Amino acid sequence: MRLPRGDLVRSRTATAPDDTLAWALDAAHTGYLVLEPADALLGGDDDACVLTLADGVPRLAYHTGTERGGTSALADVAGAGPYSADCYAVDRAAIEDVPDAGELVVSPDAPAERLAGDSELAERTRAAAPPAWTDDDAAPSDPVAAFLADEERLDAIRDRAREEARRKAREWDLTDALVDSDEN
């Protein structure tokens, strides 16, 4: 996804991006939000999720490391907090010029639900979205069932947990005690 260079208007570090998403919605922010997990900042990894916003409502999501879009991009950073959350302002015309590639589109409530676990913010965002951006049939009736049905998100969480366990084992000199389920 190619975005025009924006002006940094807000930068925060938080355990979850709910505060930043709420601010963007309340401020009717147009531009993009870059969510970068703290471990990526320290390790120098390219592990950021970029969300485009129009009047505070998320439209497109792209993960810079995996190059996946849409809900897969959200899954790639879900549960990876704390996050550095940087909001950039961009002219509305420039954001509207970014193509709505199908694989990048997210439902307006998806970032609040999947990254922040905030159903109230998700509902507010959905209500503020243009009608063409919402699909009532796609809204999960049970958030727990929707979470459990999202195999990519579960796999991303498992992968992050395994990597963190390996890192801790190396740090504590317990690598001999590691049992990798892939090797069994």
Protein backbone atom coordinates (compact mmCIF):
# COMPACT_ATOMS: atom_id res chain seq x y z
CA MET A 1 0.00 0.00 0.00
CA ARG A 2 1.46 3.34 -1.04
CA LEU A 3 0.42 6.29 1.09
CA PRO A 4 1.39 9.93 0.75
CA ARG A 5 3.66 11.32 3.45
CA GLY A 6 1.53 12.66 6.26
CA ASP A 7 2.07 15.08 9.11
CA LEU A 8 2.50 13.48 12.53
CA VAL A 9 -0.31 14.80 14.73
CA ARG A 10 -0.29 12.33 17.62
CA SER A 11 2.14 9.78 19.00
CA ARG A 12 1.52 7.50 21.97
CA THR A 13 2.67 4.24 23.49
CA ALA A 14 -0.08 2.08 24.93
CA THR A 15 -0.80 -1.54 25.83
CA ALA A 16 -3.71 -1.52 23.38
CA PRO A 17 -4.63 0.96 20.65
CA ASP A 18 -8.14 1.68 21.99
CA ASP A 19 -7.24 5.19 23.19
CA THR A 20 -5.75 6.10 19.80
CA LEU A 21 -8.67 4.61 17.86
CA ALA A 22 -11.14 6.50 20.11
CA TRP A 23 -9.19 9.73 19.66
CA ALA A 24 -9.20 9.30 15.87
CA LEU A 25 -12.95 8.69 15.85
CA ASP A 26 -13.73 11.62 18.17
CA ALA A 27 -11.43 13.96 16.20
CA ALA A 28 -12.82 12.71 12.85
CA HIS A 29 -9.16 12.21 11.89
CA THR A 30 -8.37 11.64 8.22
CA GLY A 31 -5.02 10.09 7.40
CA TYR A 32 -3.40 6.95 8.67
CA LEU A 33 -2.38 5.26 11.88
CA VAL A 34 0.81 3.23 12.28
CA LEU A 35 0.69 0.61 15.04
CA GLU A 36 4.08 -0.84 15.80
CA PRO A 37 4.57 -3.41 18.56
CA ALA A 38 7.25 -2.46 21.07
CA ASP A 39 9.27 -5.61 20.38
CA ALA A 40 9.58 -4.53 16.74
CA LEU A 41 10.88 -1.13 17.81
CA LEU A 42 13.53 -2.69 20.02
CA GLY A 43 14.46 -5.49 17.64
CA GLY A 44 14.43 -3.40 14.48
CA ASP A 45 11.89 -5.70 12.84
CA ASP A 46 9.52 -4.41 10.20
CA ASP A 47 6.36 -5.30 12.09
CA ALA A 48 3.84 -2.46 11.77
CA CYS A 49 0.19 -2.35 10.85
CA VAL A 50 -0.93 0.69 8.89
CA LEU A 51 -4.62 1.67 9.01
CA THR A 52 -6.11 4.32 6.75
CA LEU A 53 -8.77 6.48 8.40
CA ALA A 54 -11.46 8.70 6.92
CA ASP A 55 -13.24 10.86 9.48
CA GLY A 56 -11.86 8.57 12.18
CA VAL A 57 -13.22 5.39 10.62
CA PRO A 58 -10.72 2.68 9.59
CA ARG A 59 -10.92 1.51 5.98
CA LEU A 60 -7.74 -0.29 4.89
CA ALA A 61 -5.16 -2.29 6.87
CA TYR A 62 -1.73 -3.40 5.73
CA HIS A 63 1.08 -5.17 7.61
CA THR A 64 4.50 -3.96 6.51
CA GLY A 65 6.37 -7.10 7.52
CA THR A 66 4.11 -9.85 6.20
CA GLU A 67 2.67 -7.72 3.38
CA ARG A 68 -0.78 -9.06 4.22
CA GLY A 69 -3.84 -6.86 4.22
CA GLY A 70 -7.29 -6.60 5.76
CA THR A 71 -8.09 -8.66 8.84
CA SER A 72 -4.92 -10.72 8.27
CA ALA A 73 -2.87 -7.56 8.82
CA LEU A 74 -4.73 -6.97 12.08
CA ALA A 75 -4.08 -10.56 13.14
CA ASP A 76 -0.36 -10.06 12.56
CA VAL A 77 -0.16 -7.45 15.34
CA ALA A 78 -3.02 -8.60 17.59
CA GLY A 79 -1.91 -9.16 21.15
CA ALA A 80 1.57 -7.83 20.43
CA GLY A 81 1.30 -4.77 22.66
CA PRO A 82 2.48 -2.48 23.96
CA TYR A 83 2.24 -0.48 20.77
CA SER A 84 3.68 2.72 19.46
CA ALA A 85 0.68 4.41 17.85
CA ASP A 86 1.42 7.28 15.48
CA CYS A 87 -1.35 9.23 13.74
CA TYR A 88 -0.56 11.08 10.54
CA ALA A 89 -2.83 13.64 8.90
CA VAL A 90 -3.28 13.44 5.15
CA ASP A 91 -5.49 15.43 2.84
CA ARG A 92 -8.84 13.71 2.27
CA ALA A 93 -8.31 13.60 -1.50
CA ALA A 94 -4.99 11.78 -1.03
CA ILE A 95 -6.61 9.13 1.19
CA GLU A 96 -9.49 8.72 -1.25
CA ASP A 97 -6.93 8.15 -4.03
CA VAL A 98 -5.60 5.05 -2.24
CA PRO A 99 -7.31 2.17 -4.06
CA ASP A 100 -9.79 0.09 -2.07
CA ALA A 101 -8.03 -3.16 -2.87
CA GLY A 102 -10.34 -5.91 -1.65
CA GLU A 103 -7.65 -7.71 0.31
CA LEU A 104 -6.84 -4.53 2.30
CA VAL A 105 -10.40 -3.56 3.30
CA VAL A 106 -11.46 -4.06 6.91
CA SER A 107 -14.88 -3.58 8.41
CA PRO A 108 -14.96 -0.29 10.34
CA ASP A 109 -15.30 -2.04 13.70
CA ALA A 110 -12.58 -4.67 13.14
CA PRO A 111 -9.59 -2.73 14.57
CA ALA A 112 -11.48 -1.85 17.77
CA GLU A 113 -12.69 -5.44 18.20
CA ARG A 114 -9.56 -7.32 17.16
CA LEU A 115 -6.79 -5.08 18.44
CA ALA A 116 -8.38 -3.36 21.41
CA GLY A 117 -11.13 -5.79 22.41
CA ASP A 118 -13.42 -2.78 22.87
CA SER A 119 -16.94 -3.64 21.70
CA GLU A 120 -18.34 -0.22 22.67
CA LEU A 121 -15.73 1.56 20.54
CA ALA A 122 -16.37 -0.92 17.74
CA GLU A 123 -20.09 -0.11 17.81
CA ARG A 124 -19.41 3.66 17.84
CA THR A 125 -17.04 3.27 14.89
CA ARG A 126 -19.54 1.15 12.97
CA ALA A 127 -22.25 3.77 13.57
CA ALA A 128 -19.97 6.54 12.26
CA ALA A 129 -19.00 4.63 9.11
CA PRO A 130 -20.54 5.37 5.74
CA PRO A 131 -23.31 2.85 4.99
CA ALA A 132 -21.35 1.46 2.03
CA TRP A 133 -18.54 0.43 4.41
CA THR A 134 -20.68 -1.72 6.66
CA ASP A 135 -22.04 -5.14 5.98
CA ASP A 136 -24.51 -6.25 8.62
CA ASP A 137 -24.24 -9.87 7.53
CA ALA A 138 -20.49 -9.86 8.20
CA ALA A 139 -20.80 -8.64 11.79
CA PRO A 140 -20.14 -11.49 14.23
CA SER A 141 -22.99 -12.03 16.64
CA ASP A 142 -20.67 -13.58 19.22
CA PRO A 143 -17.22 -11.98 19.59
CA VAL A 144 -15.76 -15.07 21.27
CA ALA A 145 -16.95 -17.31 18.44
CA ALA A 146 -15.57 -14.84 15.89
CA PHE A 147 -12.21 -14.82 17.69
CA LEU A 148 -12.03 -18.61 17.84
CA ALA A 149 -13.01 -18.89 14.17
CA ASP A 150 -10.16 -16.59 13.11
CA GLU A 151 -7.45 -19.21 12.48
CA GLU A 152 -4.93 -16.66 11.19
CA ARG A 153 -5.20 -14.61 14.37
CA LEU A 154 -4.89 -17.69 16.57
CA ASP A 155 -1.85 -18.86 14.58
CA ALA A 156 -0.25 -15.41 14.89
CA ILE A 157 -0.79 -15.43 18.67
CA ARG A 158 0.66 -18.95 18.96
CA ASP A 159 3.68 -17.97 16.86
CA ARG A 160 4.35 -14.90 19.00
CA ALA A 161 4.02 -16.98 22.20
CA ARG A 162 6.46 -19.61 20.87
CA GLU A 163 8.99 -16.96 19.88
CA GLU A 164 8.69 -15.25 23.27
CA ALA A 165 9.18 -18.63 25.03
CA ARG A 166 12.28 -19.33 22.91
CA ARG A 167 13.66 -15.86 23.67
CA LYS A 168 13.09 -16.31 27.42
CA ALA A 169 14.63 -19.80 27.33
CA ARG A 170 17.75 -18.41 25.66
CA GLU A 171 17.84 -15.54 28.14
CA TRP A 172 17.58 -17.92 31.12
CA ASP A 173 19.90 -20.51 29.55
CA LEU A 174 17.16 -23.14 29.39
CA THR A 175 17.39 -23.99 25.71
CA ASP A 176 18.07 -27.66 26.51
CA ALA A 177 14.65 -27.85 28.17
CA LEU A 178 12.80 -26.61 25.08
CA VAL A 179 10.53 -29.09 23.35
CA ASP A 180 9.39 -27.79 19.98
CA SER A 181 6.08 -29.34 18.92
CA ASP A 182 7.20 -29.09 15.28
CA GLU A 183 10.02 -31.56 15.97
CA ASN A 184 7.88 -34.21 17.71
